[in-house]
């Protein structure tokens, strides 16, 4: 049960769990699952916590509550597929992997492991991102979108193009949410801090530009009036 951090060790852990389930060795099964979640996946976004407790910890912030290192980005899709296997059905591991991959939206969706996921799983994860799209999370989600599209632009495979379309769908939803809740967005601490610092901190101007572009993309006949009014109220 002492795993190192080489790539093949995740497969070894998977094999141990499959064998433990087949032999009905519940203690070994639980131990190996815990090793994957806590050690190999750095806690996998508080997989053991039910929804309400997890929400209390992250306070509605997208991308919070877990590790998004390169290793976790590459392993999370494999953990999700494994947890959903007919011979596994590990609800705790599945819950953590779902949270992780929603939180890894952006660059984490450009890995070869994510690209190889079945489309139905990717669509479910897209729904998770949309559920996290609210005025509080607009700026970090726009940043993640830009990072993901940049990463995917270097990959011309059909799988990358398909994920790029999902990211663009997520961006469209972000634009719509921002356009429909501009007053609330302008009151968010991150936006207020940008204004108070006159955009002088590193990366501030990029955030301003991302928000302005999102407002332009999301502008419609329906929200044009409220958007104009909000911009006048919060110059």
Protein backbone atom coordinates (compact mmCIF):
# COMPACT_ATOMS: atom_id res chain seq x y z
CA UNK A 1 0.00 0.00 0.00
CA UNK A 2 2.99 2.35 -0.09
CA UNK A 3 2.63 4.14 -3.43
CA UNK A 4 5.22 6.45 -4.97
CA UNK A 5 4.32 9.28 -7.37
CA UNK A 6 5.11 7.63 -10.67
CA UNK A 7 2.46 7.61 -13.35
CA UNK A 8 1.76 3.89 -13.21
CA UNK A 9 0.91 3.93 -9.52
CA UNK A 10 -2.64 5.13 -10.15
CA UNK A 11 -3.22 2.07 -12.31
CA UNK A 12 -1.77 -0.09 -9.54
CA UNK A 13 -4.20 1.41 -7.05
CA UNK A 14 -7.08 0.80 -9.45
CA UNK A 15 -6.08 -2.85 -9.79
CA UNK A 16 -5.90 -3.24 -6.00
CA UNK A 17 -9.41 -1.83 -5.60
CA UNK A 18 -10.82 -4.08 -8.32
CA UNK A 19 -9.20 -7.11 -6.72
CA UNK A 20 -10.40 -6.10 -3.25
CA UNK A 21 -13.96 -5.73 -4.47
CA UNK A 22 -13.85 -9.07 -6.25
CA UNK A 23 -12.49 -10.78 -3.13
CA UNK A 24 -14.82 -8.74 -0.88
CA UNK A 25 -11.92 -7.32 1.12
CA UNK A 26 -13.71 -4.19 2.29
CA UNK A 27 -10.90 -2.86 4.47
CA UNK A 28 -8.36 -3.07 1.64
CA UNK A 29 -10.88 -1.49 -0.73
CA UNK A 30 -11.44 1.45 1.63
CA UNK A 31 -7.73 1.87 2.31
CA UNK A 32 -6.79 1.94 -1.37
CA UNK A 33 -9.60 4.40 -2.16
CA UNK A 34 -8.47 6.67 0.65
CA UNK A 35 -4.90 6.56 -0.66
CA UNK A 36 -6.08 7.68 -4.08
CA UNK A 37 -8.24 10.49 -2.73
CA UNK A 38 -5.95 11.85 -0.02
CA UNK A 39 -2.44 11.06 -1.28
CA UNK A 40 -2.50 10.71 -5.05
CA UNK A 41 -5.20 13.33 -5.63
CA UNK A 42 -4.33 15.67 -2.76
CA UNK A 43 -7.75 15.44 -1.11
CA UNK A 44 -9.76 15.44 -4.37
CA UNK A 45 -11.84 18.47 -3.45
CA UNK A 46 -13.11 17.21 -0.09
CA UNK A 47 -14.64 14.09 -1.63
CA UNK A 48 -15.84 12.78 1.72
CA UNK A 49 -17.92 15.88 2.48
CA UNK A 50 -21.60 15.96 1.45
CA UNK A 51 -22.84 18.88 -0.65
CA UNK A 52 -23.95 21.18 2.20
CA UNK A 53 -20.68 20.89 4.12
CA UNK A 54 -18.62 21.35 0.98
CA UNK A 55 -20.60 24.49 0.09
CA UNK A 56 -20.04 25.85 3.58
CA UNK A 57 -16.29 25.47 3.15
CA UNK A 58 -15.96 26.97 -0.34
CA UNK A 59 -18.67 29.61 0.24
CA UNK A 60 -19.85 29.38 -3.35
CA UNK A 61 -16.47 30.19 -4.87
CA UNK A 62 -15.66 28.35 -8.08
CA UNK A 63 -12.39 26.43 -8.15
CA UNK A 64 -11.92 26.48 -4.37
CA UNK A 65 -11.48 23.55 -2.01
CA UNK A 66 -9.00 21.37 -3.84
CA UNK A 67 -5.70 20.93 -5.64
CA UNK A 68 -5.36 21.85 -9.32
CA UNK A 69 -1.72 20.94 -9.85
CA UNK A 70 -0.64 19.43 -13.18
CA UNK A 71 -0.59 15.94 -11.71
CA UNK A 72 -4.14 16.24 -10.39
CA UNK A 73 -5.32 17.71 -13.70
CA UNK A 74 -4.06 14.65 -15.54
CA UNK A 75 -5.30 12.12 -13.02
CA UNK A 76 -8.78 13.48 -12.28
CA UNK A 77 -10.39 12.32 -15.57
CA UNK A 78 -9.04 8.81 -15.02
CA UNK A 79 -10.33 8.78 -11.45
CA UNK A 80 -13.79 9.85 -12.63
CA UNK A 81 -13.99 7.14 -15.28
CA UNK A 82 -12.73 4.54 -12.83
CA UNK A 83 -15.23 5.55 -10.14
CA UNK A 84 -18.09 5.24 -12.64
CA UNK A 85 -17.08 1.77 -13.81
CA UNK A 86 -19.78 -0.90 -13.54
CA UNK A 87 -17.52 -3.00 -11.33
CA UNK A 88 -16.60 -0.06 -9.06
CA UNK A 89 -19.44 2.45 -8.55
CA UNK A 90 -17.58 4.50 -5.95
CA UNK A 91 -19.90 7.42 -5.16
CA UNK A 92 -17.39 9.24 -2.95
CA UNK A 93 -14.59 9.11 -5.50
CA UNK A 94 -17.02 10.10 -8.26
CA UNK A 95 -18.23 13.09 -6.24
CA UNK A 96 -14.69 14.29 -5.64
CA UNK A 97 -13.66 13.82 -9.27
CA UNK A 98 -16.72 15.70 -10.50
CA UNK A 99 -15.94 18.61 -8.18
CA UNK A 100 -12.30 18.56 -9.21
CA UNK A 101 -12.96 18.62 -12.95
CA UNK A 102 -15.52 21.40 -12.63
CA UNK A 103 -12.94 23.33 -10.61
CA UNK A 104 -10.27 22.60 -13.24
CA UNK A 105 -12.31 24.20 -16.03
CA UNK A 106 -9.88 26.01 -18.30
CA UNK A 107 -6.39 24.60 -18.64
CA UNK A 108 -7.48 21.40 -16.90
CA UNK A 109 -9.84 20.72 -19.79
CA UNK A 110 -6.99 20.77 -22.31
CA UNK A 111 -5.16 17.67 -21.08
CA UNK A 112 -5.13 14.54 -23.22
CA UNK A 113 -6.83 12.68 -20.38
CA UNK A 114 -9.76 15.11 -20.33
CA UNK A 115 -10.02 15.09 -24.12
CA UNK A 116 -10.45 11.31 -24.04
CA UNK A 117 -13.45 11.42 -21.68
CA UNK A 118 -16.81 10.39 -23.18
CA UNK A 119 -18.89 13.33 -24.39
CA UNK A 120 -21.69 12.63 -21.92
CA UNK A 121 -19.28 13.10 -19.00
CA UNK A 122 -17.93 16.31 -20.50
CA UNK A 123 -21.47 17.63 -20.91
CA UNK A 124 -22.20 16.84 -17.26
CA UNK A 125 -19.08 18.75 -16.23
CA UNK A 126 -20.14 21.68 -18.41
CA UNK A 127 -23.43 21.76 -16.49
CA UNK A 128 -21.40 21.90 -13.28
CA UNK A 129 -19.47 24.92 -14.55
CA UNK A 130 -22.70 26.63 -15.55
CA UNK A 131 -24.11 26.00 -12.07
CA UNK A 132 -21.08 27.82 -10.62
CA UNK A 133 -21.49 30.77 -12.97
CA UNK A 134 -22.71 33.71 -10.91
CA UNK A 135 -21.59 37.34 -10.45
CA UNK A 136 -19.10 36.36 -7.76
CA UNK A 137 -17.27 33.92 -10.04
CA UNK A 138 -17.34 35.87 -13.32
CA UNK A 139 -13.75 37.12 -13.32
CA UNK A 140 -12.02 33.83 -12.37
CA UNK A 141 -14.20 31.95 -14.87
CA UNK A 142 -13.33 34.41 -17.64
CA UNK A 143 -9.65 33.97 -16.81
CA UNK A 144 -10.01 30.19 -16.86
CA UNK A 145 -11.86 30.35 -20.18
CA UNK A 146 -9.09 32.39 -21.78
CA UNK A 147 -6.42 30.04 -20.45
CA UNK A 148 -8.29 26.98 -21.67
CA UNK A 149 -8.90 28.36 -25.16
CA UNK A 150 -5.25 29.38 -25.42
CA UNK A 151 -4.13 25.88 -24.49
CA UNK A 152 -6.61 24.20 -26.84
CA UNK A 153 -5.59 26.46 -29.74
CA UNK A 154 -2.32 24.54 -30.01
CA UNK A 155 -4.17 21.24 -30.54
CA UNK A 156 -5.91 20.68 -33.88
CA UNK A 157 -7.35 17.23 -33.16
CA UNK A 158 -11.12 16.61 -33.39
CA UNK A 159 -11.19 15.86 -29.64
CA UNK A 160 -9.66 19.26 -28.87
CA UNK A 161 -12.11 20.99 -31.22
CA UNK A 162 -15.01 19.30 -29.42
CA UNK A 163 -13.80 20.49 -26.01
CA UNK A 164 -13.15 23.95 -27.43
CA UNK A 165 -16.84 24.07 -28.38
CA UNK A 166 -17.78 23.16 -24.79
CA UNK A 167 -15.54 25.93 -23.44
CA UNK A 168 -17.17 28.40 -25.84
CA UNK A 169 -20.58 27.26 -24.60
CA UNK A 170 -19.41 27.94 -21.05
CA UNK A 171 -18.16 31.38 -22.12
CA UNK A 172 -21.51 32.17 -23.75
CA UNK A 173 -23.23 31.33 -20.49
CA UNK A 174 -20.78 33.52 -18.55
CA UNK A 175 -21.52 36.41 -20.93
CA UNK A 176 -25.26 35.93 -20.48
CA UNK A 177 -25.04 35.77 -16.69
CA UNK A 178 -22.87 38.89 -16.59
CA UNK A 179 -25.19 40.78 -18.94
CA UNK A 180 -28.19 39.86 -16.84
CA UNK A 181 -26.70 40.72 -13.45
CA UNK A 182 -24.36 43.63 -14.08
CA UNK A 183 -25.55 45.62 -11.06
CA UNK A 184 -24.75 42.73 -8.75
CA UNK A 185 -21.42 42.09 -10.47
CA UNK A 186 -20.31 45.71 -10.03
CA UNK A 187 -20.80 45.29 -6.28
CA UNK A 188 -18.53 42.24 -6.03
CA UNK A 189 -15.40 42.75 -3.89
CA UNK A 190 -13.02 41.74 -6.69
CA UNK A 191 -14.46 44.33 -9.08
CA UNK A 192 -14.57 47.03 -6.40
CA UNK A 193 -10.91 46.30 -5.60
CA UNK A 194 -10.00 46.72 -9.28
CA UNK A 195 -11.58 50.16 -9.32
CA UNK A 196 -10.07 51.23 -6.01
CA UNK A 197 -6.59 50.31 -7.24
CA UNK A 198 -7.13 52.01 -10.61
CA UNK A 199 -6.03 48.83 -12.35
CA UNK A 200 -2.44 49.31 -11.20
CA UNK A 201 -1.78 45.80 -9.95
CA UNK A 202 -0.30 43.15 -12.22
CA UNK A 203 -3.03 41.59 -14.34
CA UNK A 204 -5.69 44.17 -13.44
CA UNK A 205 -5.95 45.60 -16.95
CA UNK A 206 -6.36 42.11 -18.37
CA UNK A 207 -9.30 41.57 -16.01
CA UNK A 208 -10.86 44.87 -17.08
CA UNK A 209 -10.54 43.93 -20.74
CA UNK A 210 -11.98 40.45 -20.17
CA UNK A 211 -15.02 41.90 -18.43
CA UNK A 212 -15.60 44.54 -21.11
CA UNK A 213 -15.32 41.95 -23.87
CA UNK A 214 -17.75 39.69 -22.03
CA UNK A 215 -20.26 42.54 -21.69
CA UNK A 216 -19.97 43.26 -25.42
CA UNK A 217 -20.45 39.61 -26.34
CA UNK A 218 -23.46 39.26 -24.06
CA UNK A 219 -25.19 42.45 -25.16
CA UNK A 220 -28.70 41.82 -26.54
CA UNK A 221 -31.80 43.86 -27.27
CA UNK A 222 -33.29 42.50 -24.06
CA UNK A 223 -30.48 43.51 -21.69
CA UNK A 224 -29.18 46.60 -23.51
CA UNK A 225 -31.25 48.94 -21.30
CA UNK A 226 -30.25 47.42 -17.95
CA UNK A 227 -26.60 47.21 -19.08
CA UNK A 228 -26.62 50.89 -20.03
CA UNK A 229 -28.26 51.84 -16.74
CA UNK A 230 -25.79 49.75 -14.71
CA UNK A 231 -22.84 51.32 -16.52
CA UNK A 232 -24.18 54.78 -15.67
CA UNK A 233 -24.77 53.88 -12.04
CA UNK A 234 -21.32 52.30 -11.72
CA UNK A 235 -19.05 54.26 -14.10
